[in-house]
């Protein structure tokens, strides 16, 4: 992985957090604190870097697809589990 890819990943994760930031400002009941934003940013960066790392190690297209689905499913499960307590 190149340094440029890691920086782009960090920036995209920060831009993606604009959605919950606006939700925090304009939607009643949407109460994210600073720790929530930091956790979400780190979570998105780790998801992206994990996916890139795994995909770089697998050459078969079918296995790459299965691995990508598995990674996203695991991260979605973790996100849901943490969101619901």
PDB file of N, CA and C in Angstrom:
ATOM      1  N   UNK A   1       0.836  -1.174   0.000  1.00  0.00           N
ATOM      2  CA  UNK A   1       0.000   0.000   0.000  1.00  0.00           C
ATOM      3  C   UNK A   1       0.881   1.237   0.000  1.00  0.00           C
ATOM      4  N   UNK A   2       0.492   2.167  -0.802  1.00  0.00           N
ATOM      5  CA  UNK A   2       1.279   3.389  -0.879  1.00  0.00           C
ATOM      6  C   UNK A   2       0.777   4.418   0.119  1.00  0.00           C
ATOM      7  N   UNK A   3       1.635   5.352   0.395  1.00  0.00           N
ATOM      8  CA  UNK A   3       1.289   6.416   1.330  1.00  0.00           C
ATOM      9  C   UNK A   3       0.135   7.262   0.775  1.00  0.00           C
ATOM     10  N   UNK A   4       0.113   7.457  -0.545  1.00  0.00           N
ATOM     11  CA  UNK A   4      -0.955   8.231  -1.181  1.00  0.00           C
ATOM     12  C   UNK A   4      -2.302   7.549  -0.973  1.00  0.00           C
ATOM     13  N   UNK A   5      -2.357   6.218  -1.113  1.00  0.00           N
ATOM     14  CA  UNK A   5      -3.608   5.494  -0.917  1.00  0.00           C
ATOM     15  C   UNK A   5      -4.101   5.656   0.519  1.00  0.00           C
ATOM     16  N   UNK A   6      -3.203   5.585   1.464  1.00  0.00           N
ATOM     17  CA  UNK A   6      -3.587   5.720   2.878  1.00  0.00           C
ATOM     18  C   UNK A   6      -4.117   7.124   3.150  1.00  0.00           C
ATOM     19  N   UNK A   7      -3.473   8.144   2.594  1.00  0.00           N
ATOM     20  CA  UNK A   7      -3.933   9.518   2.785  1.00  0.00           C
ATOM     21  C   UNK A   7      -5.301   9.718   2.137  1.00  0.00           C
ATOM     22  N   UNK A   8      -5.489   9.183   0.918  1.00  0.00           N
ATOM     23  CA  UNK A   8      -6.795   9.284   0.254  1.00  0.00           C
ATOM     24  C   UNK A   8      -7.877   8.585   1.072  1.00  0.00           C
ATOM     25  N   UNK A   9      -7.547   7.441   1.623  1.00  0.00           N
ATOM     26  CA  UNK A   9      -8.498   6.713   2.454  1.00  0.00           C
ATOM     27  C   UNK A   9      -8.908   7.537   3.666  1.00  0.00           C
ATOM     28  N   UNK A  10      -7.941   8.164   4.294  1.00  0.00           N
ATOM     29  CA  UNK A  10      -8.242   8.997   5.460  1.00  0.00           C
ATOM     30  C   UNK A  10      -9.120  10.186   5.087  1.00  0.00           C
ATOM     31  N   UNK A  11      -8.857  10.791   3.939  1.00  0.00           N
ATOM     32  CA  UNK A  11      -9.657  11.939   3.501  1.00  0.00           C
ATOM     33  C   UNK A  11     -11.068  11.527   3.126  1.00  0.00           C
ATOM     34  N   UNK A  12     -11.221  10.405   2.438  1.00  0.00           N
ATOM     35  CA  UNK A  12     -12.556   9.928   2.065  1.00  0.00           C
ATOM     36  C   UNK A  12     -13.362   9.593   3.305  1.00  0.00           C
ATOM     37  N   UNK A  13     -12.726   8.988   4.299  1.00  0.00           N
ATOM     38  CA  UNK A  13     -13.423   8.677   5.542  1.00  0.00           C
ATOM     39  C   UNK A  13     -13.873   9.964   6.238  1.00  0.00           C
ATOM     40  N   UNK A  14     -13.039  10.985   6.202  1.00  0.00           N
ATOM     41  CA  UNK A  14     -13.410  12.263   6.819  1.00  0.00           C
ATOM     42  C   UNK A  14     -14.571  12.912   6.070  1.00  0.00           C
ATOM     43  N   UNK A  15     -14.546  12.851   4.741  1.00  0.00           N
ATOM     44  CA  UNK A  15     -15.636  13.427   3.947  1.00  0.00           C
ATOM     45  C   UNK A  15     -16.932  12.646   4.184  1.00  0.00           C
ATOM     46  N   UNK A  16     -16.842  11.327   4.318  1.00  0.00           N
ATOM     47  CA  UNK A  16     -18.032  10.514   4.565  1.00  0.00           C
ATOM     48  C   UNK A  16     -18.693  10.893   5.888  1.00  0.00           C
ATOM     49  N   UNK A  17     -17.919  11.393   6.817  1.00  0.00           N
ATOM     50  CA  UNK A  17     -18.475  11.775   8.111  1.00  0.00           C
ATOM     51  C   UNK A  17     -19.178  13.128   8.083  1.00  0.00           C
ATOM     52  N   UNK A  18     -19.205  13.778   6.923  1.00  0.00           N
ATOM     53  CA  UNK A  18     -19.989  15.005   6.804  1.00  0.00           C
ATOM     54  C   UNK A  18     -21.477  14.718   6.913  1.00  0.00           C
ATOM     55  N   UNK A  19     -21.892  13.532   6.466  1.00  0.00           N
ATOM     56  CA  UNK A  19     -23.310  13.162   6.546  1.00  0.00           C
ATOM     57  C   UNK A  19     -23.773  13.117   8.004  1.00  0.00           C
ATOM     58  N   UNK A  20     -23.102  12.374   8.886  1.00  0.00           N
ATOM     59  CA  UNK A  20     -23.555  12.413  10.281  1.00  0.00           C
ATOM     60  C   UNK A  20     -23.333  13.770  10.950  1.00  0.00           C
ATOM     61  N   UNK A  21     -22.345  14.532  10.475  1.00  0.00           N
ATOM     62  CA  UNK A  21     -22.149  15.868  11.040  1.00  0.00           C
ATOM     63  C   UNK A  21     -23.359  16.747  10.757  1.00  0.00           C
ATOM     64  N   UNK A  22     -23.842  16.741   9.508  1.00  0.00           N
ATOM     65  CA  UNK A  22     -25.046  17.509   9.176  1.00  0.00           C
ATOM     66  C   UNK A  22     -26.266  16.937   9.892  1.00  0.00           C
ATOM     67  N   UNK A  23     -26.320  15.613  10.030  1.00  0.00           N
ATOM     68  CA  UNK A  23     -27.408  15.004  10.789  1.00  0.00           C
ATOM     69  C   UNK A  23     -27.394  15.465  12.232  1.00  0.00           C
ATOM     70  N   UNK A  24     -26.212  15.580  12.785  1.00  0.00           N
ATOM     71  CA  UNK A  24     -26.064  16.054  14.162  1.00  0.00           C
ATOM     72  C   UNK A  24     -26.553  17.491  14.305  1.00  0.00           C
ATOM     73  N   UNK A  25     -26.327  18.291  13.271  1.00  0.00           N
ATOM     74  CA  UNK A  25     -26.694  19.702  13.345  1.00  0.00           C
ATOM     75  C   UNK A  25     -28.181  19.936  13.076  1.00  0.00           C
ATOM     76  N   UNK A  26     -28.786  19.127  12.188  1.00  0.00           N
ATOM     77  CA  UNK A  26     -30.137  19.454  11.716  1.00  0.00           C
ATOM     78  C   UNK A  26     -31.227  18.443  12.084  1.00  0.00           C
ATOM     79  N   UNK A  27     -30.874  17.285  12.589  1.00  0.00           N
ATOM     80  CA  UNK A  27     -31.865  16.261  12.890  1.00  0.00           C
ATOM     81  C   UNK A  27     -31.993  16.121  14.408  1.00  0.00           C
ATOM     82  N   UNK A  28     -33.220  16.262  14.886  1.00  0.00           N
ATOM     83  CA  UNK A  28     -33.450  16.076  16.321  1.00  0.00           C
ATOM     84  C   UNK A  28     -33.265  14.614  16.690  1.00  0.00           C
ATOM     85  N   UNK A  29     -32.588  14.354  17.776  1.00  0.00           N
ATOM     86  CA  UNK A  29     -32.377  12.994  18.231  1.00  0.00           C
ATOM     87  C   UNK A  29     -31.100  12.357  17.707  1.00  0.00           C
ATOM     88  N   UNK A  30     -30.409  13.044  16.817  1.00  0.00           N
ATOM     89  CA  UNK A  30     -29.146  12.524  16.294  1.00  0.00           C
ATOM     90  C   UNK A  30     -28.049  13.130  17.159  1.00  0.00           C
ATOM     91  N   UNK A  31     -27.525  12.356  18.071  1.00  0.00           N
ATOM     92  CA  UNK A  31     -26.606  12.890  19.080  1.00  0.00           C
ATOM     93  C   UNK A  31     -25.270  12.173  19.067  1.00  0.00           C
ATOM     94  N   UNK A  32     -24.435  12.484  18.085  1.00  0.00           N
ATOM     95  CA  UNK A  32     -23.093  11.928  18.055  1.00  0.00           C
ATOM     96  C   UNK A  32     -22.160  12.877  18.795  1.00  0.00           C
ATOM     97  N   UNK A  33     -21.305  12.291  19.627  1.00  0.00           N
ATOM     98  CA  UNK A  33     -20.285  13.078  20.301  1.00  0.00           C
ATOM     99  C   UNK A  33     -18.978  13.000  19.527  1.00  0.00           C
ATOM    100  N   UNK A  34     -17.985  13.684  20.027  1.00  0.00           N
ATOM    101  CA  UNK A  34     -16.680  13.683  19.367  1.00  0.00           C
ATOM    102  C   UNK A  34     -16.104  12.269  19.298  1.00  0.00           C
ATOM    103  N   UNK A  35     -16.270  11.497  20.357  1.00  0.00           N
ATOM    104  CA  UNK A  35     -15.766  10.122  20.383  1.00  0.00           C
ATOM    105  C   UNK A  35     -16.417   9.251  19.318  1.00  0.00           C
ATOM    106  N   UNK A  36     -17.690   9.495  19.042  1.00  0.00           N
ATOM    107  CA  UNK A  36     -18.391   8.736  18.002  1.00  0.00           C
ATOM    108  C   UNK A  36     -17.806   9.030  16.622  1.00  0.00           C
ATOM    109  N   UNK A  37     -17.511  10.305  16.364  1.00  0.00           N
ATOM    110  CA  UNK A  37     -16.919  10.674  15.080  1.00  0.00           C
ATOM    111  C   UNK A  37     -15.522  10.088  14.922  1.00  0.00           C
ATOM    112  N   UNK A  38     -14.752  10.131  15.979  1.00  0.00           N
ATOM    113  CA  UNK A  38     -13.395   9.568  15.925  1.00  0.00           C
ATOM    114  C   UNK A  38     -13.455   8.060  15.704  1.00  0.00           C
ATOM    115  N   UNK A  39     -14.346   7.384  16.438  1.00  0.00           N
ATOM    116  CA  UNK A  39     -14.485   5.946  16.265  1.00  0.00           C
ATOM    117  C   UNK A  39     -14.917   5.603  14.843  1.00  0.00           C
ATOM    118  N   UNK A  40     -15.904   6.317  14.298  1.00  0.00           N
ATOM    119  CA  UNK A  40     -16.388   6.036  12.947  1.00  0.00           C
ATOM    120  C   UNK A  40     -15.289   6.263  11.924  1.00  0.00           C
ATOM    121  N   UNK A  41     -14.503   7.327  12.091  1.00  0.00           N
ATOM    122  CA  UNK A  41     -13.409   7.607  11.156  1.00  0.00           C
ATOM    123  C   UNK A  41     -12.378   6.479  11.190  1.00  0.00           C
ATOM    124  N   UNK A  42     -11.969   6.077  12.371  1.00  0.00           N
ATOM    125  CA  UNK A  42     -10.998   4.978  12.504  1.00  0.00           C
ATOM    126  C   UNK A  42     -11.584   3.687  11.941  1.00  0.00           C
ATOM    127  N   UNK A  43     -12.847   3.445  12.199  1.00  0.00           N
ATOM    128  CA  UNK A  43     -13.516   2.245  11.714  1.00  0.00           C
ATOM    129  C   UNK A  43     -13.517   2.199  10.188  1.00  0.00           C
ATOM    130  N   UNK A  44     -13.864   3.324   9.537  1.00  0.00           N
ATOM    131  CA  UNK A  44     -13.882   3.380   8.077  1.00  0.00           C
ATOM    132  C   UNK A  44     -12.493   3.216   7.489  1.00  0.00           C
ATOM    133  N   UNK A  45     -11.497   3.830   8.111  1.00  0.00           N
ATOM    134  CA  UNK A  45     -10.126   3.710   7.611  1.00  0.00           C
ATOM    135  C   UNK A  45      -9.647   2.266   7.728  1.00  0.00           C
ATOM    136  N   UNK A  46      -9.902   1.625   8.854  1.00  0.00           N
ATOM    137  CA  UNK A  46      -9.487   0.231   9.034  1.00  0.00           C
ATOM    138  C   UNK A  46     -10.216  -0.677   8.052  1.00  0.00           C
ATOM    139  N   UNK A  47     -11.497  -0.439   7.825  1.00  0.00           N
ATOM    140  CA  UNK A  47     -12.250  -1.226   6.845  1.00  0.00           C
ATOM    141  C   UNK A  47     -11.626  -1.106   5.460  1.00  0.00           C
ATOM    142  N   UNK A  48     -11.328   0.094   5.047  1.00  0.00           N
ATOM    143  CA  UNK A  48     -10.759   0.307   3.726  1.00  0.00           C
ATOM    144  C   UNK A  48      -9.369  -0.311   3.579  1.00  0.00           C
ATOM    145  N   UNK A  49      -8.529  -0.114   4.580  1.00  0.00           N
ATOM    146  CA  UNK A  49      -7.170  -0.657   4.501  1.00  0.00           C
ATOM    147  C   UNK A  49      -7.170  -2.183   4.578  1.00  0.00           C
ATOM    148  N   UNK A  50      -8.060  -2.758   5.371  1.00  0.00           N
ATOM    149  CA  UNK A  50      -8.178  -4.218   5.442  1.00  0.00           C
ATOM    150  C   UNK A  50      -8.618  -4.783   4.097  1.00  0.00           C
ATOM    151  N   UNK A  51      -9.610  -4.146   3.500  1.00  0.00           N
ATOM    152  CA  UNK A  51     -10.094  -4.607   2.199  1.00  0.00           C
ATOM    153  C   UNK A  51      -8.993  -4.519   1.154  1.00  0.00           C
ATOM    154  N   UNK A  52      -8.286  -3.411   1.111  1.00  0.00           N
ATOM    155  CA  UNK A  52      -7.190  -3.244   0.141  1.00  0.00           C
ATOM    156  C   UNK A  52      -6.106  -4.293   0.364  1.00  0.00           C
ATOM    157  N   UNK A  53      -5.737  -4.534   1.605  1.00  0.00           N
ATOM    158  CA  UNK A  53      -4.693  -5.518   1.900  1.00  0.00           C
ATOM    159  C   UNK A  53      -5.107  -6.915   1.460  1.00  0.00           C
ATOM    160  N   UNK A  54      -6.317  -7.317   1.821  1.00  0.00           N
ATOM    161  CA  UNK A  54      -6.784  -8.663   1.468  1.00  0.00           C
ATOM    162  C   UNK A  54      -6.912  -8.812  -0.038  1.00  0.00           C
ATOM    163  N   UNK A  55      -7.438  -7.794  -0.693  1.00  0.00           N
ATOM    164  CA  UNK A  55      -7.616  -7.869  -2.149  1.00  0.00           C
ATOM    165  C   UNK A  55      -6.284  -7.927  -2.884  1.00  0.00           C
ATOM    166  N   UNK A  56      -5.253  -7.336  -2.316  1.00  0.00           N
ATOM    167  CA  UNK A  56      -3.949  -7.378  -2.972  1.00  0.00           C
ATOM    168  C   UNK A  56      -3.304  -8.762  -2.869  1.00  0.00           C
ATOM    169  N   UNK A  57      -3.744  -9.562  -1.921  1.00  0.00           N
ATOM    170  CA  UNK A  57      -3.175 -10.899  -1.731  1.00  0.00           C
ATOM    171  C   UNK A  57      -3.909 -11.982  -2.513  1.00  0.00           C
ATOM    172  N   UNK A  58      -5.116 -11.699  -2.999  1.00  0.00           N
ATOM    173  CA  UNK A  58      -5.930 -12.707  -3.684  1.00  0.00           C
ATOM    174  C   UNK A  58      -6.009 -12.345  -5.163  1.00  0.00           C
ATOM    175  N   UNK A  59      -5.683 -13.314  -6.023  1.00  0.00           N
ATOM    176  CA  UNK A  59      -5.705 -13.040  -7.459  1.00  0.00           C
ATOM    177  C   UNK A  59      -6.970 -13.554  -8.144  1.00  0.00           C
ATOM    178  N   UNK A  60      -7.583 -14.605  -7.622  1.00  0.00           N
ATOM    179  CA  UNK A  60      -8.788 -15.170  -8.222  1.00  0.00           C
ATOM    180  C   UNK A  60      -9.967 -14.234  -7.990  1.00  0.00           C
ATOM    181  N   UNK A  61     -10.670 -13.880  -9.067  1.00  0.00           N
ATOM    182  CA  UNK A  61     -11.765 -12.904  -8.987  1.00  0.00           C
ATOM    183  C   UNK A  61     -12.908 -13.386  -8.089  1.00  0.00           C
ATOM    184  N   UNK A  62     -13.250 -14.656  -8.174  1.00  0.00           N
ATOM    185  CA  UNK A  62     -14.331 -15.206  -7.355  1.00  0.00           C
ATOM    186  C   UNK A  62     -13.979 -15.134  -5.878  1.00  0.00           C
ATOM    187  N   UNK A  63     -12.762 -15.511  -5.538  1.00  0.00           N
ATOM    188  CA  UNK A  63     -12.328 -15.465  -4.144  1.00  0.00           C
ATOM    189  C   UNK A  63     -12.256 -14.022  -3.634  1.00  0.00           C
ATOM    190  N   UNK A  64     -11.865 -13.100  -4.516  1.00  0.00           N
ATOM    191  CA  UNK A  64     -11.820 -11.688  -4.129  1.00  0.00           C
ATOM    192  C   UNK A  64     -13.219 -11.185  -3.789  1.00  0.00           C
ATOM    193  N   UNK A  65     -14.186 -11.576  -4.597  1.00  0.00           N
ATOM    194  CA  UNK A  65     -15.566 -11.161  -4.354  1.00  0.00           C
ATOM    195  C   UNK A  65     -16.069 -11.717  -3.034  1.00  0.00           C
ATOM    196  N   UNK A  66     -15.822 -12.993  -2.810  1.00  0.00           N
ATOM    197  CA  UNK A  66     -16.248 -13.627  -1.561  1.00  0.00           C
ATOM    198  C   UNK A  66     -15.556 -12.978  -0.363  1.00  0.00           C
ATOM    199  N   UNK A  67     -14.261 -12.710  -0.487  1.00  0.00           N
ATOM    200  CA  UNK A  67     -13.523 -12.076   0.613  1.00  0.00           C
ATOM    201  C   UNK A  67     -14.042 -10.662   0.870  1.00  0.00           C
ATOM    202  N   UNK A  68     -14.349  -9.918  -0.190  1.00  0.00           N
ATOM    203  CA  UNK A  68     -14.880  -8.568  -0.026  1.00  0.00           C
ATOM    204  C   UNK A  68     -16.217  -8.565   0.682  1.00  0.00           C
ATOM    205  N   UNK A  69     -17.087  -9.486   0.286  1.00  0.00           N
ATOM    206  CA  UNK A  69     -18.394  -9.597   0.935  1.00  0.00           C
ATOM    207  C   UNK A  69     -18.223  -9.990   2.399  1.00  0.00           C
ATOM    208  N   UNK A  70     -17.313 -10.917   2.668  1.00  0.00           N
ATOM    209  CA  UNK A  70     -17.086 -11.358   4.048  1.00  0.00           C
ATOM    210  C   UNK A  70     -16.549 -10.218   4.912  1.00  0.00           C
ATOM    211  N   UNK A  71     -15.625  -9.436   4.381  1.00  0.00           N
ATOM    212  CA  UNK A  71     -15.053  -8.325   5.154  1.00  0.00           C
ATOM    213  C   UNK A  71     -16.123  -7.293   5.473  1.00  0.00           C
ATOM    214  N   UNK A  72     -16.896  -6.911   4.467  1.00  0.00           N
ATOM    215  CA  UNK A  72     -17.957  -5.923   4.689  1.00  0.00           C
ATOM    216  C   UNK A  72     -18.998  -6.466   5.660  1.00  0.00           C
ATOM    217  N   UNK A  73     -19.322  -7.748   5.559  1.00  0.00           N
ATOM    218  CA  UNK A  73     -20.304  -8.347   6.468  1.00  0.00           C
ATOM    219  C   UNK A  73     -19.800  -8.325   7.912  1.00  0.00           C
ATOM    220  N   UNK A  74     -18.549  -8.651   8.113  1.00  0.00           N
ATOM    221  CA  UNK A  74     -17.985  -8.640   9.472  1.00  0.00           C
ATOM    222  C   UNK A  74     -17.997  -7.226  10.041  1.00  0.00           C
ATOM    223  N   UNK A  75     -17.571  -6.250   9.231  1.00  0.00           N
ATOM    224  CA  UNK A  75     -17.566  -4.879   9.715  1.00  0.00           C
ATOM    225  C   UNK A  75     -18.985  -4.369   9.961  1.00  0.00           C
ATOM    226  N   UNK A  76     -19.941  -4.756   9.108  1.00  0.00           N
ATOM    227  CA  UNK A  76     -21.336  -4.357   9.323  1.00  0.00           C
ATOM    228  C   UNK A  76     -21.866  -4.969  10.610  1.00  0.00           C
ATOM    229  N   UNK A  77     -21.536  -6.229  10.864  1.00  0.00           N
ATOM    230  CA  UNK A  77     -21.963  -6.878  12.106  1.00  0.00           C
ATOM    231  C   UNK A  77     -21.396  -6.151  13.321  1.00  0.00           C
ATOM    232  N   UNK A  78     -20.126  -5.797  13.265  1.00  0.00           N
ATOM    233  CA  UNK A  78     -19.496  -5.086  14.379  1.00  0.00           C
ATOM    234  C   UNK A  78     -20.158  -3.724  14.575  1.00  0.00           C
ATOM    235  N   UNK A  79     -20.405  -3.012  13.479  1.00  0.00           N
ATOM    236  CA  UNK A  79     -21.030  -1.684  13.548  1.00  0.00           C
ATOM    237  C   UNK A  79     -22.425  -1.789  14.185  1.00  0.00           C
ATOM    238  N   UNK A  80     -23.206  -2.749  13.732  1.00  0.00           N
ATOM    239  CA  UNK A  80     -24.552  -2.926  14.260  1.00  0.00           C
ATOM    240  C   UNK A  80     -24.527  -3.325  15.727  1.00  0.00           C
ATOM    241  N   UNK A  81     -23.615  -4.214  16.064  1.00  0.00           N
ATOM    242  CA  UNK A  81     -23.509  -4.672  17.449  1.00  0.00           C
ATOM    243  C   UNK A  81     -23.118  -3.515  18.369  1.00  0.00           C
ATOM    244  N   UNK A  82     -22.203  -2.683  17.932  1.00  0.00           N
ATOM    245  CA  UNK A  82     -21.800  -1.550  18.763  1.00  0.00           C
ATOM    246  C   UNK A  82     -22.881  -0.468  18.825  1.00  0.00           C
ATOM    247  N   UNK A  83     -23.642  -0.332  17.756  1.00  0.00           N
ATOM    248  CA  UNK A  83     -24.680   0.698  17.725  1.00  0.00           C
ATOM    249  C   UNK A  83     -25.866   0.346  18.617  1.00  0.00           C
ATOM    250  N   UNK A  84     -26.140  -0.946  18.751  1.00  0.00           N
ATOM    251  CA  UNK A  84     -27.303  -1.346  19.529  1.00  0.00           C
ATOM    252  C   UNK A  84     -26.965  -1.728  20.962  1.00  0.00           C
ATOM    253  N   UNK A  85     -25.692  -1.848  21.250  1.00  0.00           N
ATOM    254  CA  UNK A  85     -25.289  -2.149  22.620  1.00  0.00           C
ATOM    255  C   UNK A  85     -25.289  -3.582  22.822  1.00  0.00           C
TER     256      UNK A  85
END
